[in-house]
Every structure is written in C-alpha cells, then in structure tokens.
Amino acid sequence: MKKNIILLFLFICAISANAQRFAGDITLYPRLGINFAKFSDGYSYAKYQNQIEDKTKPVFKFGYDIGIELHRQFDERFGASIGLLFAREGGKLSDYSEETERIKNVIKDSNTSLYYLHLPLLATADIVKWRNSGISIKVGVQPGILVSARNSNETEVYNKKDNIWILDKEKSGRASGNVKSAYKDLNLSIPVGVEYRYKNYSFDLRYNIGLTKVYEYVDDNINNRSILLTIGYGIPL
C-alpha cells in the first residue's frame, strides 16, 4: 500500500514538472466550451382570472462558448486577461398555466436562447505551481452585448364546457420566434473561477453572476446565471 502511494506521488510529480509563468509573458488562448445557464428567478404572472399572482420556475439549459482570451503575466504570481467570447445562454421554464373562467393555457417546454458577445476582463493569481502545470484563481467583470434571442414553447389551449376542460387542438401547438426586443441589449456579470494548466492546455471553470436585469418589460429583478467550462490552448506571443 505504501509503495503504491509513493508511486502515485512520483507519477503526479512527473506529469507536473516545469510549471512557470514569467513576468512579461503574453499568451493567446483560443477557447471552446460548454455552459449551463438559467435565470436567477422566475417572473410574476396572473395565474387565475388576472388576480392570483404566481411565479415561473427557472431551469438550467445547455449552451456553449467559443472565442479567444489574451493573458499578460505581471510577475511570478499575478496577471490579467481580456477576451472575446460568443455564448449561447438563456434558460428554460418549468411548465405553468394561465386561466380564466372559460379558457386555460398550459405552457410547456419553454426554452429561451440568448446569444451574447462577452468581453471578460479578469485578474488572475497563480496559487499553485509546478514545472509543467499550475492552478490559478480569477475574478473580474464581464460586459456583454445581446446579439440575438429566440424562444420556443408548446401551448395547450383548453375551453371549459360543463365544468370540463376540453383541449382545443386547432389553437394548440408549438411556436418559436425572435424575441430579442423582450430582453435587455446590455448585460453585466461578475465571473469568478479557477483554472488548471497543463503544458499549453488550459481547463477553465467559471461561475458568472449576472448583475443587470435580463427582461426589458418585466418588473422583477431577474439576472443571468451560468456555469462555464472551457478548454483552451496557450500560444505564446
């Protein structure tokens, strides 16, 4: 058992040799990754007879990020980076219904995709160093511009007859379309994360905390939230 632990330690040391970032180093990182995004809260709506307020329930959805980042090392521990990332974020809503005395609408599978151009500005600190690898933490600010927005959902329309809800097949169905005007053009968030580097490869995990409202015409203070995992390849300049 002790021999196996020693061999494991030697193996980790072997693959983690020669990790250094020197003052003045400039590195370009093309990045590609996935994200899991949702809205921070649901929005209020009139559930029954335009009187009883309820809230939709946000759900995580899958998205992606692609772009580049430029990193500058100031000294042996601290640095900064600036990037340009194209991201599909947004969120899903759990099923909900709205009804009056005679009509009920059941909205299912509501899926909103928000396409942003993000400009992450990050301060970085190397907390662990080896010869071929290292771990850094990072925090900063990330302004974003909304490029496009689309929503799709399935609506079931019911009519009440003799106290029984009957599905109206003609009015029910799936709909999708451009909804950019319903969302704010500018988005601001705080990214916090950790990065593991091995040789030229960078594995970056971030959590983006939205600060600005997402919706244009909704009074509720609802922001973006996303968890982002990317892989990058460092090109020294």
C-alpha atoms as a PDB file:
ATOM      1  CA  MET A   1       0.000   0.000   0.000  1.00  0.00           C
ATOM      2  CA  LYS A   2       2.783   2.394   0.974  1.00  0.00           C
ATOM      3  CA  LYS A   3       4.639   1.514  -2.244  1.00  0.00           C
ATOM      4  CA  ASN A   4       1.547   2.343  -4.330  1.00  0.00           C
ATOM      5  CA  ILE A   5       1.163   5.734  -2.606  1.00  0.00           C
ATOM      6  CA  ILE A   6       4.826   6.555  -3.282  1.00  0.00           C
ATOM      7  CA  LEU A   7       4.471   5.543  -6.953  1.00  0.00           C
ATOM      8  CA  LEU A   8       1.325   7.688  -7.279  1.00  0.00           C
ATOM      9  CA  PHE A   9       3.131  10.673  -5.737  1.00  0.00           C
ATOM     10  CA  LEU A  10       6.091  10.231  -8.106  1.00  0.00           C
ATOM     11  CA  PHE A  11       3.712   9.973 -11.075  1.00  0.00           C
ATOM     12  CA  ILE A  12       1.961  13.229 -10.126  1.00  0.00           C
ATOM     13  CA  CYS A  13       5.301  14.949  -9.692  1.00  0.00           C
ATOM     14  CA  ALA A  14       6.468  13.640 -13.071  1.00  0.00           C
ATOM     15  CA  ILE A  15       3.484  14.972 -15.022  1.00  0.00           C
ATOM     16  CA  SER A  16       3.548  18.232 -13.053  1.00  0.00           C
ATOM     17  CA  ALA A  17       7.118  19.252 -13.748  1.00  0.00           C
ATOM     18  CA  ASN A  18       8.294  22.635 -15.078  1.00  0.00           C
ATOM     19  CA  ALA A  19       5.272  24.917 -14.434  1.00  0.00           C
ATOM     20  CA  GLN A  20       6.201  28.578 -14.587  1.00  0.00           C
ATOM     21  CA  ARG A  21       4.671  31.820 -15.877  1.00  0.00           C
ATOM     22  CA  PHE A  22       7.229  34.584 -16.045  1.00  0.00           C
ATOM     23  CA  ALA A  23       6.764  38.351 -15.757  1.00  0.00           C
ATOM     24  CA  GLY A  24       6.018  39.844 -19.154  1.00  0.00           C
ATOM     25  CA  ASP A  25       4.713  36.626 -20.724  1.00  0.00           C
ATOM     26  CA  ILE A  26       1.809  37.182 -23.152  1.00  0.00           C
ATOM     27  CA  THR A  27      -0.257  34.162 -24.149  1.00  0.00           C
ATOM     28  CA  LEU A  28      -3.184  33.829 -26.569  1.00  0.00           C
ATOM     29  CA  TYR A  29      -5.813  31.210 -25.672  1.00  0.00           C
ATOM     30  CA  PRO A  30      -8.390  30.065 -28.253  1.00  0.00           C
ATOM     31  CA  ARG A  31     -11.235  28.661 -26.126  1.00  0.00           C
ATOM     32  CA  LEU A  32     -14.143  26.277 -26.659  1.00  0.00           C
ATOM     33  CA  GLY A  33     -16.548  25.005 -24.043  1.00  0.00           C
ATOM     34  CA  ILE A  34     -19.993  24.344 -22.674  1.00  0.00           C
ATOM     35  CA  ASN A  35     -22.187  26.193 -20.201  1.00  0.00           C
ATOM     36  CA  PHE A  36     -25.229  25.527 -18.060  1.00  0.00           C
ATOM     37  CA  ALA A  37     -27.349  28.663 -17.832  1.00  0.00           C
ATOM     38  CA  LYS A  38     -30.564  29.726 -16.133  1.00  0.00           C
ATOM     39  CA  PHE A  39     -32.361  32.851 -14.969  1.00  0.00           C
ATOM     40  CA  SER A  40     -31.878  33.843 -11.329  1.00  0.00           C
ATOM     41  CA  ASP A  41     -35.624  33.805 -10.640  1.00  0.00           C
ATOM     42  CA  GLY A  42     -38.988  33.370 -12.303  1.00  0.00           C
ATOM     43  CA  TYR A  43     -41.195  36.247 -13.365  1.00  0.00           C
ATOM     44  CA  SER A  44     -44.595  37.006 -11.872  1.00  0.00           C
ATOM     45  CA  TYR A  45     -47.779  36.326 -13.832  1.00  0.00           C
ATOM     46  CA  ALA A  46     -51.512  36.209 -13.207  1.00  0.00           C
ATOM     47  CA  LYS A  47     -52.368  32.543 -12.834  1.00  0.00           C
ATOM     48  CA  TYR A  48     -56.158  32.798 -12.494  1.00  0.00           C
ATOM     49  CA  GLN A  49     -58.635  35.459 -13.549  1.00  0.00           C
ATOM     50  CA  ASN A  50     -55.795  38.044 -13.740  1.00  0.00           C
ATOM     51  CA  GLN A  51     -55.775  38.167  -9.942  1.00  0.00           C
ATOM     52  CA  ILE A  52     -53.729  35.366  -8.352  1.00  0.00           C
ATOM     53  CA  GLU A  53     -50.016  36.016  -8.847  1.00  0.00           C
ATOM     54  CA  ASP A  54     -47.605  33.177  -9.247  1.00  0.00           C
ATOM     55  CA  LYS A  55     -44.018  32.839 -10.485  1.00  0.00           C
ATOM     56  CA  THR A  56     -42.489  30.779 -13.217  1.00  0.00           C
ATOM     57  CA  LYS A  57     -39.697  28.423 -12.148  1.00  0.00           C
ATOM     58  CA  PRO A  58     -36.353  28.709 -13.987  1.00  0.00           C
ATOM     59  CA  VAL A  59     -34.468  25.575 -15.079  1.00  0.00           C
ATOM     60  CA  PHE A  60     -30.883  25.142 -16.320  1.00  0.00           C
ATOM     61  CA  LYS A  61     -30.284  24.712 -20.043  1.00  0.00           C
ATOM     62  CA  PHE A  62     -27.244  23.612 -22.031  1.00  0.00           C
ATOM     63  CA  GLY A  63     -25.244  26.140 -24.078  1.00  0.00           C
ATOM     64  CA  TYR A  64     -21.794  26.761 -25.488  1.00  0.00           C
ATOM     65  CA  ASP A  65     -18.962  29.308 -25.582  1.00  0.00           C
ATOM     66  CA  ILE A  66     -16.305  29.920 -28.220  1.00  0.00           C
ATOM     67  CA  GLY A  67     -13.710  32.681 -28.517  1.00  0.00           C
ATOM     68  CA  ILE A  68     -10.244  33.880 -27.546  1.00  0.00           C
ATOM     69  CA  GLU A  69      -8.521  35.324 -24.483  1.00  0.00           C
ATOM     70  CA  LEU A  70      -5.239  37.201 -24.163  1.00  0.00           C
ATOM     71  CA  HIS A  71      -3.317  36.808 -20.889  1.00  0.00           C
ATOM     72  CA  ARG A  72      -0.472  39.006 -19.593  1.00  0.00           C
ATOM     73  CA  GLN A  73       1.664  37.926 -16.623  1.00  0.00           C
ATOM     74  CA  PHE A  74       2.772  40.887 -14.481  1.00  0.00           C
ATOM     75  CA  ASP A  75       5.045  38.993 -12.082  1.00  0.00           C
ATOM     76  CA  GLU A  76       5.555  35.408 -10.974  1.00  0.00           C
ATOM     77  CA  ARG A  77       2.108  35.257  -9.346  1.00  0.00           C
ATOM     78  CA  PHE A  78      -0.304  37.887 -10.701  1.00  0.00           C
ATOM     79  CA  GLY A  79      -1.626  38.615 -14.171  1.00  0.00           C
ATOM     80  CA  ALA A  80      -4.694  39.742 -16.128  1.00  0.00           C
ATOM     81  CA  SER A  81      -6.624  38.705 -19.206  1.00  0.00           C
ATOM     82  CA  ILE A  82      -9.061  40.137 -21.714  1.00  0.00           C
ATOM     83  CA  GLY A  83     -11.239  38.060 -24.006  1.00  0.00           C
ATOM     84  CA  LEU A  84     -13.989  37.962 -26.593  1.00  0.00           C
ATOM     85  CA  LEU A  85     -16.441  35.068 -26.239  1.00  0.00           C
ATOM     86  CA  PHE A  86     -19.565  34.234 -28.222  1.00  0.00           C
ATOM     87  CA  ALA A  87     -22.020  32.416 -25.990  1.00  0.00           C
ATOM     88  CA  ARG A  88     -25.438  30.821 -26.160  1.00  0.00           C
ATOM     89  CA  GLU A  89     -27.061  31.197 -22.750  1.00  0.00           C
ATOM     90  CA  GLY A  90     -30.639  31.827 -21.594  1.00  0.00           C
ATOM     91  CA  GLY A  91     -32.763  29.354 -19.695  1.00  0.00           C
ATOM     92  CA  LYS A  92     -35.799  27.125 -19.543  1.00  0.00           C
ATOM     93  CA  LEU A  93     -39.011  27.420 -17.533  1.00  0.00           C
ATOM     94  CA  SER A  94     -40.898  24.597 -15.907  1.00  0.00           C
ATOM     95  CA  ASP A  95     -44.456  24.108 -17.180  1.00  0.00           C
ATOM     96  CA  TYR A  96     -47.055  26.627 -15.977  1.00  0.00           C
ATOM     97  CA  SER A  97     -50.670  27.599 -16.699  1.00  0.00           C
ATOM     98  CA  GLU A  98     -52.851  30.683 -17.002  1.00  0.00           C
ATOM     99  CA  GLU A  99     -56.618  30.512 -16.881  1.00  0.00           C
ATOM    100  CA  THR A 100     -59.807  32.498 -16.877  1.00  0.00           C
ATOM    101  CA  GLU A 101     -63.301  31.281 -16.185  1.00  0.00           C
ATOM    102  CA  ARG A 102     -63.617  29.760 -19.660  1.00  0.00           C
ATOM    103  CA  ILE A 103     -60.103  29.390 -21.125  1.00  0.00           C
ATOM    104  CA  LYS A 104     -56.925  27.790 -19.801  1.00  0.00           C
ATOM    105  CA  ASN A 105     -53.477  27.969 -21.411  1.00  0.00           C
ATOM    106  CA  VAL A 106     -50.828  25.432 -20.382  1.00  0.00           C
ATOM    107  CA  ILE A 107     -47.320  26.477 -21.462  1.00  0.00           C
ATOM    108  CA  LYS A 108     -44.832  23.612 -21.723  1.00  0.00           C
ATOM    109  CA  ASP A 109     -41.174  23.232 -22.617  1.00  0.00           C
ATOM    110  CA  SER A 110     -40.444  26.974 -22.679  1.00  0.00           C
ATOM    111  CA  ASN A 111     -36.859  27.384 -23.912  1.00  0.00           C
ATOM    112  CA  THR A 112     -35.107  30.741 -24.393  1.00  0.00           C
ATOM    113  CA  SER A 113     -31.720  31.045 -26.116  1.00  0.00           C
ATOM    114  CA  LEU A 114     -29.828  34.314 -25.603  1.00  0.00           C
ATOM    115  CA  TYR A 115     -26.787  34.847 -27.826  1.00  0.00           C
ATOM    116  CA  TYR A 116     -24.178  37.205 -26.371  1.00  0.00           C
ATOM    117  CA  LEU A 117     -20.814  38.655 -27.267  1.00  0.00           C
ATOM    118  CA  HIS A 118     -18.967  38.759 -23.924  1.00  0.00           C
ATOM    119  CA  LEU A 119     -15.843  40.761 -23.054  1.00  0.00           C
ATOM    120  CA  PRO A 120     -14.381  39.110 -19.905  1.00  0.00           C
ATOM    121  CA  LEU A 121     -11.808  41.259 -18.047  1.00  0.00           C
ATOM    122  CA  LEU A 122     -10.124  39.151 -15.380  1.00  0.00           C
ATOM    123  CA  ALA A 123      -7.423  39.433 -12.742  1.00  0.00           C
ATOM    124  CA  THR A 124      -5.564  36.156 -12.191  1.00  0.00           C
ATOM    125  CA  ALA A 125      -3.469  34.806  -9.317  1.00  0.00           C
ATOM    126  CA  ASP A 126      -1.328  31.673  -9.536  1.00  0.00           C
ATOM    127  CA  ILE A 127      -1.837  29.805  -6.250  1.00  0.00           C
ATOM    128  CA  VAL A 128      -0.093  26.504  -7.074  1.00  0.00           C
ATOM    129  CA  LYS A 129       2.871  25.983  -9.395  1.00  0.00           C
ATOM    130  CA  TRP A 130       4.749  23.004 -10.729  1.00  0.00           C
ATOM    131  CA  ARG A 131       7.046  22.796 -13.708  1.00  0.00           C
ATOM    132  CA  ASN A 132       4.507  21.627 -16.296  1.00  0.00           C
ATOM    133  CA  SER A 133       1.263  22.674 -14.631  1.00  0.00           C
ATOM    134  CA  GLY A 134      -0.353  25.137 -12.285  1.00  0.00           C
ATOM    135  CA  ILE A 135      -3.608  26.298 -10.700  1.00  0.00           C
ATOM    136  CA  SER A 136      -4.916  29.865 -10.810  1.00  0.00           C
ATOM    137  CA  ILE A 137      -7.934  31.668  -9.440  1.00  0.00           C
ATOM    138  CA  LYS A 138      -9.559  34.545 -11.291  1.00  0.00           C
ATOM    139  CA  VAL A 139     -12.198  37.216 -10.803  1.00  0.00           C
ATOM    140  CA  GLY A 140     -13.296  40.202 -12.830  1.00  0.00           C
ATOM    141  CA  VAL A 141     -16.095  41.884 -14.717  1.00  0.00           C
ATOM    142  CA  GLN A 142     -17.798  40.841 -17.944  1.00  0.00           C
ATOM    143  CA  PRO A 143     -19.889  43.196 -20.091  1.00  0.00           C
ATOM    144  CA  GLY A 144     -21.945  41.543 -22.804  1.00  0.00           C
ATOM    145  CA  ILE A 145     -23.981  42.588 -25.839  1.00  0.00           C
ATOM    146  CA  LEU A 146     -27.115  40.676 -26.817  1.00  0.00           C
ATOM    147  CA  VAL A 147     -26.826  39.659 -30.469  1.00  0.00           C
ATOM    148  CA  SER A 148     -29.949  37.537 -30.845  1.00  0.00           C
ATOM    149  CA  ALA A 149     -32.709  35.928 -28.777  1.00  0.00           C
ATOM    150  CA  ARG A 150     -35.116  33.138 -29.625  1.00  0.00           C
ATOM    151  CA  ASN A 151     -37.864  31.390 -27.693  1.00  0.00           C
ATOM    152  CA  SER A 152     -39.835  28.227 -28.329  1.00  0.00           C
ATOM    153  CA  ASN A 153     -42.657  26.671 -26.339  1.00  0.00           C
ATOM    154  CA  GLU A 154     -45.649  24.405 -26.637  1.00  0.00           C
ATOM    155  CA  THR A 155     -49.056  25.789 -25.681  1.00  0.00           C
ATOM    156  CA  GLU A 156     -52.125  23.706 -24.945  1.00  0.00           C
ATOM    157  CA  VAL A 157     -55.379  25.672 -25.080  1.00  0.00           C
ATOM    158  CA  TYR A 158     -58.396  24.343 -23.192  1.00  0.00           C
ATOM    159  CA  ASN A 159     -62.007  25.518 -23.293  1.00  0.00           C
ATOM    160  CA  LYS A 160     -64.354  24.851 -20.398  1.00  0.00           C
ATOM    161  CA  LYS A 161     -67.603  23.085 -21.216  1.00  0.00           C
ATOM    162  CA  ASP A 162     -69.904  21.731 -18.499  1.00  0.00           C
ATOM    163  CA  ASN A 163     -67.095  22.224 -15.951  1.00  0.00           C
ATOM    164  CA  ILE A 164     -64.753  20.043 -18.026  1.00  0.00           C
ATOM    165  CA  TRP A 165     -61.602  21.356 -19.727  1.00  0.00           C
ATOM    166  CA  ILE A 166     -61.555  20.280 -23.384  1.00  0.00           C
ATOM    167  CA  LEU A 167     -58.391  20.593 -25.481  1.00  0.00           C
ATOM    168  CA  ASP A 168     -58.675  22.928 -28.487  1.00  0.00           C
ATOM    169  CA  LYS A 169     -56.396  21.187 -30.989  1.00  0.00           C
ATOM    170  CA  GLU A 170     -56.652  23.966 -33.585  1.00  0.00           C
ATOM    171  CA  LYS A 171     -55.334  26.657 -31.229  1.00  0.00           C
ATOM    172  CA  SER A 172     -52.782  24.423 -29.503  1.00  0.00           C
ATOM    173  CA  GLY A 173     -49.307  23.728 -30.847  1.00  0.00           C
ATOM    174  CA  ARG A 174     -45.644  24.618 -30.805  1.00  0.00           C
ATOM    175  CA  ALA A 175     -44.407  28.133 -31.575  1.00  0.00           C
ATOM    176  CA  SER A 176     -40.959  29.704 -31.907  1.00  0.00           C
ATOM    177  CA  GLY A 177     -39.575  33.046 -32.963  1.00  0.00           C
ATOM    178  CA  ASN A 178     -37.282  36.018 -32.483  1.00  0.00           C
ATOM    179  CA  VAL A 179     -37.806  37.663 -29.076  1.00  0.00           C
ATOM    180  CA  LYS A 180     -34.796  39.989 -28.927  1.00  0.00           C
ATOM    181  CA  SER A 181     -36.951  43.061 -28.210  1.00  0.00           C
ATOM    182  CA  ALA A 182     -38.125  41.441 -24.944  1.00  0.00           C
ATOM    183  CA  TYR A 183     -34.590  41.378 -23.478  1.00  0.00           C
ATOM    184  CA  LYS A 184     -32.018  43.986 -22.469  1.00  0.00           C
ATOM    185  CA  ASP A 185     -29.302  44.668 -25.043  1.00  0.00           C
ATOM    186  CA  LEU A 186     -26.549  45.061 -22.425  1.00  0.00           C
ATOM    187  CA  ASN A 187     -25.597  42.526 -19.787  1.00  0.00           C
ATOM    188  CA  LEU A 188     -23.074  42.866 -16.969  1.00  0.00           C
ATOM    189  CA  SER A 189     -21.812  40.000 -14.832  1.00  0.00           C
ATOM    190  CA  ILE A 190     -19.083  39.078 -12.357  1.00  0.00           C
ATOM    191  CA  PRO A 191     -17.114  35.970 -13.372  1.00  0.00           C
ATOM    192  CA  VAL A 192     -15.255  34.022 -10.684  1.00  0.00           C
ATOM    193  CA  GLY A 193     -13.330  30.881 -11.473  1.00  0.00           C
ATOM    194  CA  VAL A 194     -10.405  28.531 -11.259  1.00  0.00           C
ATOM    195  CA  GLU A 195      -8.039  27.377 -13.995  1.00  0.00           C
ATOM    196  CA  TYR A 196      -5.833  24.312 -14.234  1.00  0.00           C
ATOM    197  CA  ARG A 197      -2.980  24.440 -16.757  1.00  0.00           C
ATOM    198  CA  TYR A 198      -1.015  21.500 -18.048  1.00  0.00           C
ATOM    199  CA  LYS A 199       1.732  22.370 -20.519  1.00  0.00           C
ATOM    200  CA  ASN A 200      -0.067  24.512 -23.145  1.00  0.00           C
ATOM    201  CA  TYR A 201      -3.559  23.325 -22.230  1.00  0.00           C
ATOM    202  CA  SER A 202      -5.913  25.348 -20.035  1.00  0.00           C
ATOM    203  CA  PHE A 203      -9.007  23.935 -18.298  1.00  0.00           C
ATOM    204  CA  ASP A 204     -11.147  26.804 -17.018  1.00  0.00           C
ATOM    205  CA  LEU A 205     -14.216  26.603 -14.756  1.00  0.00           C
ATOM    206  CA  ARG A 206     -16.203  29.798 -14.079  1.00  0.00           C
ATOM    207  CA  TYR A 207     -19.416  30.928 -12.467  1.00  0.00           C
ATOM    208  CA  ASN A 208     -20.927  34.066 -13.991  1.00  0.00           C
ATOM    209  CA  ILE A 209     -23.131  36.105 -11.644  1.00  0.00           C
ATOM    210  CA  GLY A 210     -25.409  38.466 -13.544  1.00  0.00           C
ATOM    211  CA  LEU A 211     -25.827  41.992 -12.156  1.00  0.00           C
ATOM    212  CA  THR A 212     -28.196  43.598 -14.651  1.00  0.00           C
ATOM    213  CA  LYS A 213     -31.827  42.814 -15.436  1.00  0.00           C
ATOM    214  CA  VAL A 214     -32.454  40.425 -18.310  1.00  0.00           C
ATOM    215  CA  TYR A 215     -36.021  41.318 -19.299  1.00  0.00           C
ATOM    216  CA  GLU A 216     -36.975  44.586 -20.950  1.00  0.00           C
ATOM    217  CA  TYR A 217     -40.622  44.742 -19.848  1.00  0.00           C
ATOM    218  CA  VAL A 218     -40.679  42.657 -16.651  1.00  0.00           C
ATOM    219  CA  ASP A 219     -40.507  44.482 -13.313  1.00  0.00           C
ATOM    220  CA  ASP A 220     -38.909  41.574 -11.435  1.00  0.00           C
ATOM    221  CA  ASN A 221     -35.146  41.868 -10.899  1.00  0.00           C
ATOM    222  CA  ILE A 222     -34.101  38.762 -12.851  1.00  0.00           C
ATOM    223  CA  ASN A 223     -30.483  38.195 -13.896  1.00  0.00           C
ATOM    224  CA  ASN A 224     -28.448  35.677 -15.857  1.00  0.00           C
ATOM    225  CA  ARG A 225     -26.584  32.856 -14.124  1.00  0.00           C
ATOM    226  CA  SER A 226     -24.214  30.432 -15.849  1.00  0.00           C
ATOM    227  CA  ILE A 227     -21.588  27.798 -15.115  1.00  0.00           C
ATOM    228  CA  LEU A 228     -18.931  27.676 -17.816  1.00  0.00           C
ATOM    229  CA  LEU A 229     -16.307  25.016 -18.557  1.00  0.00           C
ATOM    230  CA  THR A 230     -13.848  25.638 -21.389  1.00  0.00           C
ATOM    231  CA  ILE A 231     -10.638  24.174 -22.710  1.00  0.00           C
ATOM    232  CA  GLY A 232      -8.005  26.429 -24.249  1.00  0.00           C
ATOM    233  CA  TYR A 233      -4.617  26.070 -25.862  1.00  0.00           C
ATOM    234  CA  GLY A 234      -1.952  28.628 -24.985  1.00  0.00           C
ATOM    235  CA  ILE A 235       0.022  30.201 -27.841  1.00  0.00           C
ATOM    236  CA  PRO A 236       2.983  32.288 -26.562  1.00  0.00           C
ATOM    237  CA  LEU A 237       3.326  35.667 -28.284  1.00  0.00           C
END
